[in-house]
Amino acid sequence: MTKALLFSGQGSQYVGMGRDVCEQLPAVEELFERADMQLGYSITGIMFDGPEDTLKETRNTQPALFVHEAALLEATGLHKNADALAGHSLGEYTALYAAGVLSFADALALVRLRGTLMYDEGLRIPGTMAAVVGLTDEQVVELCSTLNEGGEKIIVPANFNSPGQIVISGSAEYLRASLPQFKAAGAKIVKELAVSGAFHSPLLQGASVALSEALDNTPFNNARCDVYVNVSGEPMRDGSALREAAKKQLTSPVQWTQTLLAMKADGLTEFIEVGPGSVLQGLVKRTLTDVVMQGVDKIADVQRLNALA
């Protein structure tokens, strides 16, 4: 059985995440202290105590998720014998850290910048996202292509999460006004998401340019194992190629369905979600058959996995 680690993305966070692991494992507590010191504020305080609205701000959510996921790796050592890695959107940066492509300090710096840029861009250019359930990928792509007029009328596919579950992204007012057309096309559910911007769309081009400059100035090592990247769903190990994929990520759709299918085709049969909640486990269940799934989030999960090691 070959093992893949999956790292959660934005939307999985909750107040209290990481507290129990920090309180019981000194090595994890030290990692949290390093993060607070580097950031210059207490991201762990926001993670442990909230308030929820502050944790949900993209500029805080992204470093919080990365630190929590890195702490779980510190607690379990799962990344040391994983055969492959993938992360959903923000989670891809944890995958790069787990693969030895980025150092902890560099990954945290990039994640903080990414979250801040996305937050600021969302304030500057109003955008939103919506979940569309019950249409095929091809139907959503075709309808978005028909509706996408550019300028202040942008609608694009943003996340291909699983068969029949796709997230679209675009100009706030125009996307909201266009949602009934997805329902008319046969979607069972069409629901706007509580996000602060049009992630994975052309509306983040300004943020993408600034992030690309930082990526160019950050060392990228070759990966110790395959990292399946969001922009194509393909495995990569070359550091330069992984940097280029990261540059494209903010304005490109997350090819998560393709990622999972490619991993299964390459022989990966055990999937462990590292991070808060179980969103990715649900996507695996809806996409793949005959695989083993589990997650690690709380201290009980850490203790269970360590007992099996």
Foldseek 3Di string as FASTA:
>chain_A
DAEEEEEEDQPQADAQFPPQLLVPDVVLVVLQVVLCVLVVHRLVCCNHPNPPVVCNQLLSVLLNSLSSLVSLCVLAVVLVRHQEYEYFQSRLLSRLCSQVFAPPSLSSVLSNLLSVLQNVLLVVAPKWKKKFFDDAPVVQQVVQVVQAPDDLGHKHWAEPLAGRITMIMHRHVNVVVCQVVSVVVPTPDIGIDPHSHRWQACSSVVSLVVSLVSLVVGGTCFGPHWYQAQQQLDTGGHRVVVSVSSSNNRNHHGHNLSVLVVCVVVPHAEYEYRGGDCVSVVSNVRRDPRHHYYYDTHPVSSVVSNVVD
